[in-house]
Amino acid sequence: MYLPEAFAENRPEALHALIRSNPLGAVVVHTDDGFDANHLPFELDIEPDGRVVLRGHCARMNTMASLSRDGTDALVIFEGPSAYISPNWYPSKQVTHEVVPTYNYAVVHVHGRLVPIDDPRWVRGLVARLTRRMEQSQPTPWKMGDAPADYLEQMIEKIVGIEIRVDRIIGKWKMSQNRTTDDRLGVVAGLSKTGNPVDAEVAALVRDAIIKSS
């Protein structure tokens, strides 16, 4: 990933927070047939020794389920909020007109070894944890016990666990750090006026980046 120093985000807490807030990752592996990409929700765990691990599951018929049990190099991409940035928001436009449109975004790239885990008990535990986390905002959270036991067993049998022991996490927060402070404040103002909740999230990140660099 192209990563100018100004856009680099290295704080573990920020990287982990983006993954937990946006758990659907794009998993890319290289197979004998070329690159294979899948989109899967992940749970991020930090083990007692500090090692970061991603855990998820895929359909048994998915090619990832048959990858080597010794591990396969994988890249997982997690996307945070993003927004179009209009040149009209830069005060400098009124002076030089030397401005162009761009996009602001936050992403995390995770590199590690992907290992399939064909263990129904392991998979059941993972699915239970993921379900509890995903359902916590519901007025009446769905739980695995709501489904008939035999049906649930059939569903568990159709999926295989995925574990990725993380080697590297790279974060890129492109939040107008290459502009002047006045232009960055103009971006915050412009995004704040659109009424789009995601634009508001990006505006907050641009504001945080201004504070971080001051």
N, C-alpha and C. Protein backbone atom coordinates (compact mmCIF):
# COMPACT_ATOMS: atom_id res chain seq x y z
N MET A 1 0.85 -1.19 0.00
CA MET A 1 0.00 0.00 0.00
C MET A 1 0.89 1.25 0.00
N TYR A 2 0.58 2.17 -0.88
CA TYR A 2 1.29 3.45 -0.91
C TYR A 2 0.94 4.20 0.37
N LEU A 3 1.96 4.59 1.14
CA LEU A 3 1.71 5.16 2.46
C LEU A 3 2.67 6.31 2.78
N PRO A 4 2.32 7.52 2.34
CA PRO A 4 3.11 8.68 2.76
C PRO A 4 3.13 8.77 4.28
N GLU A 5 4.25 9.23 4.82
CA GLU A 5 4.41 9.24 6.28
C GLU A 5 3.30 10.02 6.98
N ALA A 6 2.84 11.10 6.36
CA ALA A 6 1.81 11.92 7.00
C ALA A 6 0.50 11.17 7.20
N PHE A 7 0.25 10.15 6.38
CA PHE A 7 -1.00 9.40 6.46
C PHE A 7 -0.90 8.13 7.32
N ALA A 8 0.29 7.83 7.82
CA ALA A 8 0.49 6.58 8.57
C ALA A 8 -0.19 6.67 9.94
N GLU A 9 -0.93 5.64 10.30
CA GLU A 9 -1.56 5.53 11.61
C GLU A 9 -0.96 4.30 12.30
N ASN A 10 -0.22 4.53 13.39
CA ASN A 10 0.50 3.44 14.05
C ASN A 10 -0.03 3.09 15.43
N ARG A 11 -0.99 3.84 15.93
CA ARG A 11 -1.48 3.57 17.28
C ARG A 11 -2.31 2.28 17.30
N PRO A 12 -1.87 1.27 18.05
CA PRO A 12 -2.60 -0.01 18.09
C PRO A 12 -4.07 0.17 18.46
N GLU A 13 -4.35 1.06 19.41
CA GLU A 13 -5.73 1.22 19.85
C GLU A 13 -6.62 1.74 18.72
N ALA A 14 -6.07 2.62 17.86
CA ALA A 14 -6.85 3.15 16.74
C ALA A 14 -7.06 2.07 15.68
N LEU A 15 -6.02 1.28 15.41
CA LEU A 15 -6.13 0.22 14.42
C LEU A 15 -7.13 -0.85 14.87
N HIS A 16 -7.03 -1.25 16.12
CA HIS A 16 -7.94 -2.27 16.65
C HIS A 16 -9.38 -1.76 16.68
N ALA A 17 -9.55 -0.48 17.02
CA ALA A 17 -10.90 0.09 17.08
C ALA A 17 -11.55 0.11 15.70
N LEU A 18 -10.78 0.43 14.66
CA LEU A 18 -11.37 0.42 13.31
C LEU A 18 -11.82 -0.98 12.93
N ILE A 19 -11.00 -1.98 13.23
CA ILE A 19 -11.38 -3.36 12.89
C ILE A 19 -12.64 -3.77 13.64
N ARG A 20 -12.71 -3.44 14.93
CA ARG A 20 -13.88 -3.85 15.71
C ARG A 20 -15.14 -3.11 15.28
N SER A 21 -14.99 -1.88 14.79
CA SER A 21 -16.15 -1.11 14.33
C SER A 21 -16.56 -1.50 12.92
N ASN A 22 -15.64 -2.08 12.17
CA ASN A 22 -15.89 -2.46 10.77
C ASN A 22 -15.38 -3.89 10.56
N PRO A 23 -16.02 -4.88 11.18
CA PRO A 23 -15.47 -6.24 11.23
C PRO A 23 -15.51 -7.03 9.93
N LEU A 24 -16.19 -6.51 8.90
CA LEU A 24 -16.24 -7.24 7.62
C LEU A 24 -14.95 -6.96 6.86
N GLY A 25 -14.09 -7.97 6.78
CA GLY A 25 -12.81 -7.80 6.12
C GLY A 25 -12.77 -8.47 4.75
N ALA A 26 -12.00 -7.89 3.83
CA ALA A 26 -11.75 -8.51 2.52
C ALA A 26 -10.48 -9.34 2.66
N VAL A 27 -10.62 -10.67 2.58
CA VAL A 27 -9.50 -11.58 2.78
C VAL A 27 -8.93 -11.98 1.42
N VAL A 28 -7.64 -11.75 1.22
CA VAL A 28 -7.00 -12.07 -0.05
C VAL A 28 -5.89 -13.09 0.18
N VAL A 29 -5.95 -14.19 -0.55
CA VAL A 29 -4.90 -15.22 -0.51
C VAL A 29 -4.51 -15.56 -1.94
N HIS A 30 -3.33 -16.15 -2.09
CA HIS A 30 -2.88 -16.56 -3.41
C HIS A 30 -2.92 -18.08 -3.48
N THR A 31 -3.65 -18.60 -4.46
CA THR A 31 -3.78 -20.04 -4.64
C THR A 31 -3.15 -20.45 -5.97
N ASP A 32 -3.19 -21.72 -6.27
CA ASP A 32 -2.66 -22.22 -7.55
C ASP A 32 -3.41 -21.62 -8.74
N ASP A 33 -4.64 -21.18 -8.49
CA ASP A 33 -5.46 -20.59 -9.56
C ASP A 33 -5.38 -19.07 -9.60
N GLY A 34 -4.48 -18.49 -8.78
CA GLY A 34 -4.35 -17.04 -8.73
C GLY A 34 -4.90 -16.48 -7.43
N PHE A 35 -5.15 -15.18 -7.40
CA PHE A 35 -5.66 -14.55 -6.19
C PHE A 35 -7.13 -14.93 -5.95
N ASP A 36 -7.44 -15.13 -4.66
CA ASP A 36 -8.80 -15.45 -4.25
C ASP A 36 -9.18 -14.47 -3.15
N ALA A 37 -10.32 -13.79 -3.29
CA ALA A 37 -10.76 -12.80 -2.31
C ALA A 37 -12.14 -13.15 -1.78
N ASN A 38 -12.32 -13.01 -0.48
CA ASN A 38 -13.60 -13.26 0.16
C ASN A 38 -13.86 -12.18 1.20
N HIS A 39 -15.14 -11.99 1.52
CA HIS A 39 -15.53 -10.96 2.49
C HIS A 39 -16.17 -11.64 3.69
N LEU A 40 -15.50 -11.54 4.84
CA LEU A 40 -15.93 -12.27 6.03
C LEU A 40 -15.87 -11.38 7.27
N PRO A 41 -16.82 -11.55 8.20
CA PRO A 41 -16.72 -10.81 9.47
C PRO A 41 -15.70 -11.50 10.38
N PHE A 42 -14.94 -10.70 11.11
CA PHE A 42 -13.90 -11.24 11.99
C PHE A 42 -14.04 -10.74 13.41
N GLU A 43 -13.57 -11.58 14.32
CA GLU A 43 -13.42 -11.20 15.71
C GLU A 43 -11.92 -10.95 15.93
N LEU A 44 -11.58 -9.82 16.55
CA LEU A 44 -10.19 -9.52 16.87
C LEU A 44 -9.93 -9.85 18.32
N ASP A 45 -8.95 -10.70 18.57
CA ASP A 45 -8.57 -11.08 19.93
C ASP A 45 -7.13 -10.69 20.19
N ILE A 46 -6.83 -10.29 21.41
CA ILE A 46 -5.45 -10.04 21.82
C ILE A 46 -5.12 -11.06 22.90
N GLU A 47 -4.17 -11.94 22.61
CA GLU A 47 -3.83 -13.02 23.52
C GLU A 47 -2.98 -12.51 24.69
N PRO A 48 -2.83 -13.30 25.75
CA PRO A 48 -2.08 -12.85 26.93
C PRO A 48 -0.65 -12.39 26.62
N ASP A 49 -0.04 -12.97 25.58
CA ASP A 49 1.32 -12.56 25.22
C ASP A 49 1.35 -11.33 24.33
N GLY A 50 0.16 -10.74 24.06
CA GLY A 50 0.08 -9.54 23.24
C GLY A 50 -0.12 -9.82 21.76
N ARG A 51 -0.10 -11.09 21.35
CA ARG A 51 -0.28 -11.43 19.95
C ARG A 51 -1.71 -11.14 19.51
N VAL A 52 -1.84 -10.52 18.33
CA VAL A 52 -3.15 -10.22 17.77
C VAL A 52 -3.59 -11.35 16.85
N VAL A 53 -4.84 -11.79 17.01
CA VAL A 53 -5.38 -12.89 16.22
C VAL A 53 -6.75 -12.49 15.67
N LEU A 54 -6.97 -12.80 14.40
CA LEU A 54 -8.29 -12.63 13.79
C LEU A 54 -8.94 -14.00 13.68
N ARG A 55 -10.21 -14.08 14.04
CA ARG A 55 -10.92 -15.36 13.94
C ARG A 55 -12.25 -15.13 13.23
N GLY A 56 -12.56 -16.04 12.32
CA GLY A 56 -13.81 -15.96 11.59
C GLY A 56 -14.21 -17.33 11.07
N HIS A 57 -15.08 -17.37 10.08
CA HIS A 57 -15.49 -18.65 9.51
C HIS A 57 -15.90 -18.44 8.07
N CYS A 58 -15.90 -19.53 7.31
CA CYS A 58 -16.33 -19.47 5.91
C CYS A 58 -17.12 -20.73 5.59
N ALA A 59 -17.80 -20.73 4.47
CA ALA A 59 -18.54 -21.91 4.04
C ALA A 59 -17.58 -23.07 3.77
N ARG A 60 -18.00 -24.27 4.10
CA ARG A 60 -17.16 -25.44 3.87
C ARG A 60 -16.80 -25.58 2.39
N MET A 61 -17.66 -25.11 1.49
CA MET A 61 -17.39 -25.20 0.06
C MET A 61 -16.44 -24.10 -0.42
N ASN A 62 -16.13 -23.14 0.42
CA ASN A 62 -15.22 -22.06 0.06
C ASN A 62 -13.80 -22.63 -0.10
N THR A 63 -13.07 -22.13 -1.10
CA THR A 63 -11.70 -22.65 -1.32
C THR A 63 -10.80 -22.42 -0.11
N MET A 64 -11.09 -21.40 0.71
CA MET A 64 -10.27 -21.15 1.89
C MET A 64 -10.33 -22.29 2.89
N ALA A 65 -11.46 -23.00 2.91
CA ALA A 65 -11.63 -24.09 3.86
C ALA A 65 -10.67 -25.25 3.58
N SER A 66 -10.15 -25.34 2.36
CA SER A 66 -9.27 -26.44 2.00
C SER A 66 -7.81 -26.00 1.88
N LEU A 67 -7.48 -24.80 2.37
CA LEU A 67 -6.09 -24.35 2.34
C LEU A 67 -5.26 -25.16 3.32
N SER A 68 -3.96 -25.08 3.18
CA SER A 68 -3.04 -25.86 4.00
C SER A 68 -3.23 -25.60 5.49
N ARG A 69 -3.22 -26.67 6.28
CA ARG A 69 -3.29 -26.55 7.74
C ARG A 69 -1.99 -26.01 8.30
N ASP A 70 -0.95 -25.91 7.47
CA ASP A 70 0.31 -25.31 7.91
C ASP A 70 0.26 -23.79 7.80
N GLY A 71 -0.78 -23.28 7.18
CA GLY A 71 -0.95 -21.83 7.06
C GLY A 71 -0.66 -21.31 5.67
N THR A 72 -1.38 -20.29 5.28
CA THR A 72 -1.23 -19.62 3.99
C THR A 72 -1.14 -18.13 4.22
N ASP A 73 -0.19 -17.47 3.58
CA ASP A 73 -0.07 -16.02 3.72
C ASP A 73 -1.37 -15.35 3.27
N ALA A 74 -1.85 -14.41 4.08
CA ALA A 74 -3.12 -13.74 3.78
C ALA A 74 -3.02 -12.25 4.08
N LEU A 75 -3.81 -11.49 3.36
CA LEU A 75 -3.98 -10.06 3.59
C LEU A 75 -5.47 -9.83 3.83
N VAL A 76 -5.78 -9.14 4.92
CA VAL A 76 -7.17 -8.80 5.22
C VAL A 76 -7.28 -7.27 5.25
N ILE A 77 -8.22 -6.73 4.50
CA ILE A 77 -8.40 -5.29 4.39
C ILE A 77 -9.70 -4.88 5.09
N PHE A 78 -9.57 -3.99 6.05
CA PHE A 78 -10.73 -3.45 6.76
C PHE A 78 -10.87 -1.98 6.40
N GLU A 79 -12.06 -1.60 5.94
CA GLU A 79 -12.31 -0.22 5.52
C GLU A 79 -13.14 0.52 6.56
N GLY A 80 -12.63 1.70 6.95
CA GLY A 80 -13.38 2.57 7.84
C GLY A 80 -14.16 3.59 7.05
N PRO A 81 -14.52 4.71 7.66
CA PRO A 81 -15.30 5.73 6.96
C PRO A 81 -14.50 6.40 5.85
N SER A 82 -15.18 6.81 4.79
CA SER A 82 -14.55 7.51 3.67
C SER A 82 -15.50 8.58 3.16
N ALA A 83 -14.95 9.58 2.50
CA ALA A 83 -15.80 10.67 2.00
C ALA A 83 -15.11 11.40 0.85
N TYR A 84 -15.91 11.85 -0.09
CA TYR A 84 -15.42 12.70 -1.18
C TYR A 84 -15.13 14.09 -0.64
N ILE A 85 -14.01 14.66 -1.08
CA ILE A 85 -13.61 15.99 -0.64
C ILE A 85 -13.65 16.95 -1.83
N SER A 86 -14.51 17.95 -1.75
CA SER A 86 -14.66 18.92 -2.84
C SER A 86 -13.61 20.03 -2.73
N PRO A 87 -13.00 20.42 -3.84
CA PRO A 87 -12.05 21.53 -3.83
C PRO A 87 -12.70 22.84 -3.36
N ASN A 88 -14.03 22.93 -3.48
CA ASN A 88 -14.72 24.15 -3.06
C ASN A 88 -14.60 24.41 -1.56
N TRP A 89 -14.24 23.37 -0.80
CA TRP A 89 -14.14 23.54 0.65
C TRP A 89 -12.82 24.16 1.08
N TYR A 90 -11.83 24.23 0.19
CA TYR A 90 -10.53 24.78 0.53
C TYR A 90 -10.54 26.30 0.40
N PRO A 91 -10.23 27.02 1.47
CA PRO A 91 -10.07 28.48 1.32
C PRO A 91 -9.02 28.85 0.28
N SER A 92 -8.00 28.03 0.12
CA SER A 92 -6.92 28.33 -0.84
C SER A 92 -7.43 28.36 -2.28
N LYS A 93 -8.59 27.74 -2.53
CA LYS A 93 -9.15 27.76 -3.89
C LYS A 93 -9.40 29.20 -4.34
N GLN A 94 -9.84 30.03 -3.40
CA GLN A 94 -10.15 31.41 -3.74
C GLN A 94 -8.90 32.22 -4.07
N VAL A 95 -7.74 31.69 -3.69
CA VAL A 95 -6.49 32.42 -3.90
C VAL A 95 -5.75 31.94 -5.14
N THR A 96 -5.55 30.63 -5.25
CA THR A 96 -4.72 30.09 -6.33
C THR A 96 -5.49 29.26 -7.35
N HIS A 97 -6.60 28.69 -6.94
CA HIS A 97 -7.39 27.77 -7.78
C HIS A 97 -6.58 26.50 -8.12
N GLU A 98 -5.44 26.30 -7.44
CA GLU A 98 -4.61 25.12 -7.70
C GLU A 98 -5.02 24.00 -6.74
N VAL A 99 -6.23 23.51 -6.93
CA VAL A 99 -6.78 22.46 -6.08
C VAL A 99 -7.55 21.47 -6.95
N VAL A 100 -7.64 20.25 -6.49
CA VAL A 100 -8.38 19.21 -7.21
C VAL A 100 -9.17 18.38 -6.20
N PRO A 101 -10.18 17.63 -6.67
CA PRO A 101 -10.95 16.76 -5.77
C PRO A 101 -10.09 15.60 -5.26
N THR A 102 -10.52 15.01 -4.16
CA THR A 102 -9.84 13.84 -3.63
C THR A 102 -10.81 13.06 -2.74
N TYR A 103 -10.32 12.00 -2.16
CA TYR A 103 -11.09 11.20 -1.20
C TYR A 103 -10.30 11.11 0.09
N ASN A 104 -10.99 11.20 1.21
CA ASN A 104 -10.40 10.90 2.51
C ASN A 104 -10.92 9.55 2.96
N TYR A 105 -10.05 8.79 3.62
CA TYR A 105 -10.47 7.45 4.05
C TYR A 105 -9.55 6.92 5.13
N ALA A 106 -10.05 5.92 5.86
CA ALA A 106 -9.25 5.20 6.86
C ALA A 106 -9.33 3.72 6.54
N VAL A 107 -8.17 3.06 6.45
CA VAL A 107 -8.13 1.63 6.16
C VAL A 107 -7.06 0.96 7.02
N VAL A 108 -7.26 -0.32 7.26
CA VAL A 108 -6.26 -1.14 7.97
C VAL A 108 -5.98 -2.38 7.14
N HIS A 109 -4.71 -2.64 6.90
CA HIS A 109 -4.28 -3.86 6.22
C HIS A 109 -3.64 -4.78 7.24
N VAL A 110 -4.13 -6.01 7.33
CA VAL A 110 -3.61 -6.99 8.27
C VAL A 110 -2.93 -8.12 7.48
N HIS A 111 -1.68 -8.41 7.83
CA HIS A 111 -0.92 -9.48 7.20
C HIS A 111 -0.70 -10.60 8.22
N GLY A 112 -0.90 -11.85 7.80
CA GLY A 112 -0.66 -12.96 8.71
C GLY A 112 -0.83 -14.29 8.00
N ARG A 113 -0.79 -15.37 8.80
CA ARG A 113 -0.93 -16.73 8.27
C ARG A 113 -2.33 -17.23 8.56
N LEU A 114 -3.04 -17.60 7.50
CA LEU A 114 -4.41 -18.08 7.63
C LEU A 114 -4.41 -19.61 7.75
N VAL A 115 -5.10 -20.08 8.79
CA VAL A 115 -5.20 -21.52 9.03
C VAL A 115 -6.67 -21.91 9.16
N PRO A 116 -7.18 -22.84 8.32
CA PRO A 116 -8.56 -23.34 8.49
C PRO A 116 -8.65 -24.21 9.74
N ILE A 117 -9.75 -24.14 10.47
CA ILE A 117 -9.95 -24.94 11.68
C ILE A 117 -11.27 -25.70 11.53
N ASP A 118 -11.17 -27.00 11.28
CA ASP A 118 -12.35 -27.83 11.08
C ASP A 118 -12.69 -28.53 12.38
N ASP A 119 -13.22 -27.76 13.32
CA ASP A 119 -13.54 -28.26 14.66
C ASP A 119 -14.88 -27.67 15.07
N PRO A 120 -15.97 -28.48 15.05
CA PRO A 120 -17.31 -27.96 15.33
C PRO A 120 -17.42 -27.22 16.67
N ARG A 121 -16.73 -27.70 17.68
CA ARG A 121 -16.79 -27.03 18.99
C ARG A 121 -16.16 -25.65 18.92
N TRP A 122 -15.00 -25.56 18.25
CA TRP A 122 -14.32 -24.28 18.08
C TRP A 122 -15.20 -23.31 17.30
N VAL A 123 -15.79 -23.83 16.21
CA VAL A 123 -16.64 -22.99 15.36
C VAL A 123 -17.87 -22.51 16.12
N ARG A 124 -18.47 -23.40 16.90
CA ARG A 124 -19.66 -23.03 17.67
C ARG A 124 -19.33 -21.90 18.65
N GLY A 125 -18.19 -22.01 19.33
CA GLY A 125 -17.79 -20.97 20.28
C GLY A 125 -17.58 -19.63 19.58
N LEU A 126 -16.94 -19.67 18.42
CA LEU A 126 -16.70 -18.45 17.66
C LEU A 126 -18.02 -17.81 17.23
N VAL A 127 -18.90 -18.62 16.66
CA VAL A 127 -20.19 -18.10 16.18
C VAL A 127 -20.99 -17.51 17.34
N ALA A 128 -20.91 -18.13 18.50
CA ALA A 128 -21.62 -17.61 19.67
C ALA A 128 -21.07 -16.23 20.05
N ARG A 129 -19.75 -16.08 20.05
CA ARG A 129 -19.15 -14.79 20.41
C ARG A 129 -19.50 -13.71 19.38
N LEU A 130 -19.38 -14.06 18.10
CA LEU A 130 -19.71 -13.10 17.05
C LEU A 130 -21.18 -12.67 17.14
N THR A 131 -22.05 -13.65 17.37
CA THR A 131 -23.48 -13.36 17.46
C THR A 131 -23.77 -12.41 18.61
N ARG A 132 -23.18 -12.68 19.77
CA ARG A 132 -23.42 -11.81 20.93
C ARG A 132 -22.99 -10.37 20.62
N ARG A 133 -21.84 -10.23 19.97
CA ARG A 133 -21.34 -8.88 19.68
C ARG A 133 -22.20 -8.18 18.64
N MET A 134 -22.56 -8.90 17.58
CA MET A 134 -23.34 -8.28 16.50
C MET A 134 -24.77 -7.97 16.92
N GLU A 135 -25.32 -8.75 17.85
CA GLU A 135 -26.71 -8.60 18.25
C GLU A 135 -26.90 -7.64 19.43
N GLN A 136 -25.82 -7.16 20.01
CA GLN A 136 -25.95 -6.40 21.26
C GLN A 136 -26.73 -5.09 21.10
N SER A 137 -26.82 -4.58 19.88
CA SER A 137 -27.57 -3.33 19.68
C SER A 137 -29.06 -3.57 19.42
N GLN A 138 -29.47 -4.83 19.29
CA GLN A 138 -30.87 -5.15 19.01
C GLN A 138 -31.72 -5.05 20.27
N PRO A 139 -32.96 -4.60 20.15
CA PRO A 139 -33.84 -4.51 21.33
C PRO A 139 -33.99 -5.87 22.02
N THR A 140 -34.14 -6.92 21.21
CA THR A 140 -34.20 -8.29 21.74
C THR A 140 -33.17 -9.12 20.99
N PRO A 141 -31.94 -9.20 21.50
CA PRO A 141 -30.86 -9.88 20.78
C PRO A 141 -31.19 -11.34 20.47
N TRP A 142 -30.94 -11.72 19.21
CA TRP A 142 -31.09 -13.12 18.83
C TRP A 142 -29.95 -13.91 19.45
N LYS A 143 -30.24 -15.12 19.90
CA LYS A 143 -29.20 -15.98 20.45
C LYS A 143 -29.31 -17.35 19.82
N MET A 144 -28.21 -18.09 19.85
CA MET A 144 -28.18 -19.38 19.16
C MET A 144 -29.25 -20.33 19.68
N GLY A 145 -29.58 -20.21 20.95
CA GLY A 145 -30.61 -21.07 21.54
C GLY A 145 -31.99 -20.83 20.98
N ASP A 146 -32.18 -19.72 20.23
CA ASP A 146 -33.48 -19.45 19.62
C ASP A 146 -33.78 -20.39 18.46
N ALA A 147 -32.72 -20.96 17.87
CA ALA A 147 -32.89 -21.86 16.72
C ALA A 147 -32.99 -23.30 17.21
N PRO A 148 -33.74 -24.16 16.50
CA PRO A 148 -33.81 -25.58 16.88
C PRO A 148 -32.42 -26.20 16.89
N ALA A 149 -32.15 -27.03 17.87
CA ALA A 149 -30.81 -27.60 18.05
C ALA A 149 -30.33 -28.38 16.83
N ASP A 150 -31.21 -29.18 16.23
CA ASP A 150 -30.78 -29.97 15.08
C ASP A 150 -30.47 -29.08 13.87
N TYR A 151 -31.26 -28.02 13.71
CA TYR A 151 -31.01 -27.08 12.61
C TYR A 151 -29.67 -26.38 12.81
N LEU A 152 -29.39 -25.97 14.04
CA LEU A 152 -28.13 -25.29 14.34
C LEU A 152 -26.95 -26.21 14.07
N GLU A 153 -27.07 -27.47 14.42
CA GLU A 153 -25.99 -28.43 14.16
C GLU A 153 -25.73 -28.55 12.66
N GLN A 154 -26.79 -28.56 11.87
CA GLN A 154 -26.63 -28.63 10.42
C GLN A 154 -25.90 -27.40 9.88
N MET A 155 -26.24 -26.24 10.41
CA MET A 155 -25.59 -25.00 9.97
C MET A 155 -24.12 -24.98 10.36
N ILE A 156 -23.81 -25.40 11.57
CA ILE A 156 -22.41 -25.44 12.04
C ILE A 156 -21.58 -26.38 11.17
N GLU A 157 -22.19 -27.49 10.76
CA GLU A 157 -21.48 -28.48 9.95
C GLU A 157 -21.12 -27.91 8.58
N LYS A 158 -21.83 -26.89 8.14
CA LYS A 158 -21.60 -26.33 6.80
C LYS A 158 -20.53 -25.26 6.77
N ILE A 159 -19.93 -24.94 7.92
CA ILE A 159 -18.90 -23.90 7.94
C ILE A 159 -17.62 -24.41 8.60
N VAL A 160 -16.52 -23.73 8.29
CA VAL A 160 -15.20 -24.08 8.82
C VAL A 160 -14.60 -22.82 9.43
N GLY A 161 -13.89 -22.99 10.53
CA GLY A 161 -13.27 -21.85 11.19
C GLY A 161 -12.06 -21.32 10.43
N ILE A 162 -11.74 -20.06 10.65
CA ILE A 162 -10.58 -19.41 10.07
C ILE A 162 -9.84 -18.68 11.19
N GLU A 163 -8.54 -18.91 11.29
CA GLU A 163 -7.74 -18.18 12.27
C GLU A 163 -6.53 -17.58 11.56
N ILE A 164 -6.29 -16.28 11.81
CA ILE A 164 -5.15 -15.59 11.22
C ILE A 164 -4.31 -15.01 12.36
N ARG A 165 -3.12 -15.55 12.52
CA ARG A 165 -2.19 -15.02 13.52
C ARG A 165 -1.42 -13.89 12.85
N VAL A 166 -1.60 -12.70 13.39
CA VAL A 166 -1.18 -11.47 12.72
C VAL A 166 0.32 -11.23 12.85
N ASP A 167 0.94 -10.94 11.71
CA ASP A 167 2.36 -10.56 11.69
C ASP A 167 2.54 -9.05 11.64
N ARG A 168 1.70 -8.37 10.85
CA ARG A 168 1.81 -6.92 10.68
C ARG A 168 0.43 -6.30 10.54
N ILE A 169 0.28 -5.11 11.10
CA ILE A 169 -0.94 -4.32 10.89
C ILE A 169 -0.49 -2.94 10.41
N ILE A 170 -1.02 -2.52 9.27
CA ILE A 170 -0.66 -1.24 8.69
C ILE A 170 -1.91 -0.38 8.57
N GLY A 171 -1.85 0.82 9.12
CA GLY A 171 -3.00 1.72 9.07
C GLY A 171 -2.72 2.95 8.22
N LYS A 172 -3.71 3.36 7.45
CA LYS A 172 -3.61 4.57 6.65
C LYS A 172 -4.85 5.43 6.90
N TRP A 173 -4.63 6.59 7.50
CA TRP A 173 -5.68 7.56 7.75
C TRP A 173 -5.39 8.76 6.84
N LYS A 174 -5.97 8.76 5.64
CA LYS A 174 -5.77 9.88 4.72
C LYS A 174 -6.82 10.93 5.05
N MET A 175 -6.44 11.92 5.83
CA MET A 175 -7.38 12.88 6.38
C MET A 175 -6.91 14.32 6.15
N SER A 176 -6.50 14.61 4.91
CA SER A 176 -6.13 15.97 4.50
C SER A 176 -4.88 16.49 5.20
N GLN A 177 -4.02 15.57 5.70
CA GLN A 177 -2.81 16.02 6.39
C GLN A 177 -1.85 16.76 5.46
N ASN A 178 -2.02 16.61 4.15
CA ASN A 178 -1.14 17.28 3.19
C ASN A 178 -1.62 18.69 2.83
N ARG A 179 -2.70 19.16 3.47
CA ARG A 179 -3.21 20.50 3.23
C ARG A 179 -2.85 21.43 4.39
N THR A 180 -3.01 22.73 4.18
CA THR A 180 -2.78 23.69 5.25
C THR A 180 -3.87 23.53 6.31
N THR A 181 -3.62 24.09 7.47
CA THR A 181 -4.62 24.01 8.54
C THR A 181 -5.93 24.65 8.12
N ASP A 182 -5.87 25.78 7.43
CA ASP A 182 -7.10 26.45 6.99
C ASP A 182 -7.89 25.56 6.02
N ASP A 183 -7.18 24.91 5.10
CA ASP A 183 -7.87 24.01 4.17
C ASP A 183 -8.48 22.82 4.90
N ARG A 184 -7.77 22.32 5.89
CA ARG A 184 -8.28 21.18 6.66
C ARG A 184 -9.53 21.56 7.45
N LEU A 185 -9.51 22.76 8.01
CA LEU A 185 -10.70 23.24 8.71
C LEU A 185 -11.85 23.45 7.73
N GLY A 186 -11.53 23.85 6.50
CA GLY A 186 -12.55 23.96 5.47
C GLY A 186 -13.17 22.62 5.14
N VAL A 187 -12.36 21.56 5.13
CA VAL A 187 -12.86 20.21 4.90
C VAL A 187 -13.81 19.79 6.02
N VAL A 188 -13.42 20.08 7.25
CA VAL A 188 -14.28 19.75 8.39
C VAL A 188 -15.62 20.46 8.25
N ALA A 189 -15.59 21.74 7.90
CA ALA A 189 -16.83 22.50 7.76
C ALA A 189 -17.68 21.96 6.62
N GLY A 190 -17.04 21.66 5.49
CA GLY A 190 -17.77 21.15 4.34
C GLY A 190 -18.43 19.81 4.61
N LEU A 191 -17.69 18.91 5.21
CA LEU A 191 -18.25 17.59 5.53
C LEU A 191 -19.37 17.69 6.55
N SER A 192 -19.24 18.61 7.48
CA SER A 192 -20.23 18.74 8.55
C SER A 192 -21.57 19.25 8.05
N LYS A 193 -21.58 19.85 6.87
CA LYS A 193 -22.80 20.43 6.34
C LYS A 193 -23.59 19.49 5.42
N THR A 194 -23.02 18.35 5.07
CA THR A 194 -23.69 17.48 4.10
C THR A 194 -24.88 16.74 4.69
N GLY A 195 -24.89 16.56 6.00
CA GLY A 195 -25.97 15.80 6.62
C GLY A 195 -25.78 14.30 6.55
N ASN A 196 -24.67 13.86 5.95
CA ASN A 196 -24.36 12.42 5.84
C ASN A 196 -23.63 11.97 7.09
N PRO A 197 -24.14 10.95 7.81
CA PRO A 197 -23.48 10.50 9.04
C PRO A 197 -22.03 10.04 8.82
N VAL A 198 -21.76 9.41 7.67
CA VAL A 198 -20.39 8.96 7.41
C VAL A 198 -19.47 10.16 7.18
N ASP A 199 -19.98 11.18 6.48
CA ASP A 199 -19.20 12.41 6.30
C ASP A 199 -18.87 13.02 7.66
N ALA A 200 -19.80 12.94 8.60
CA ALA A 200 -19.57 13.48 9.94
C ALA A 200 -18.44 12.69 10.63
N GLU A 201 -18.40 11.37 10.40
CA GLU A 201 -17.32 10.56 10.98
C GLU A 201 -15.97 10.98 10.42
N VAL A 202 -15.93 11.22 9.10
CA VAL A 202 -14.67 11.64 8.47
C VAL A 202 -14.28 13.02 8.98
N ALA A 203 -15.25 13.91 9.12
CA ALA A 203 -14.96 15.24 9.67
C ALA A 203 -14.31 15.14 11.04
N ALA A 204 -14.81 14.23 11.87
CA ALA A 204 -14.23 14.04 13.20
C ALA A 204 -12.80 13.54 13.11
N LEU A 205 -12.52 12.65 12.15
CA LEU A 205 -11.16 12.13 11.97
C LEU A 205 -10.22 13.21 11.46
N VAL A 206 -10.71 14.07 10.56
CA VAL A 206 -9.89 15.18 10.07
C VAL A 206 -9.57 16.12 11.25
N ARG A 207 -10.56 16.38 12.08
CA ARG A 207 -10.36 17.24 13.25
C ARG A 207 -9.34 16.60 14.19
N ASP A 208 -9.44 15.30 14.41
CA ASP A 208 -8.48 14.60 15.27
C ASP A 208 -7.07 14.70 14.70
N ALA A 209 -6.96 14.61 13.37
CA ALA A 209 -5.65 14.68 12.74
C ALA A 209 -5.04 16.06 12.90
N ILE A 210 -5.87 17.10 12.87
CA ILE A 210 -5.38 18.46 13.09
C ILE A 210 -4.82 18.59 14.50
N ILE A 211 -5.57 18.07 15.47
CA ILE A 211 -5.13 18.14 16.87
C ILE A 211 -3.84 17.35 17.06
N LYS A 212 -3.78 16.17 16.44
CA LYS A 212 -2.60 15.30 16.56
C LYS A 212 -1.34 15.97 16.03
N SER A 213 -1.48 16.78 14.98
CA SER A 213 -0.31 17.40 14.34
C SER A 213 0.04 18.76 14.92
N SER A 214 -0.81 19.25 15.80
CA SER A 214 -0.56 20.61 16.34
C SER A 214 0.43 20.59 17.50
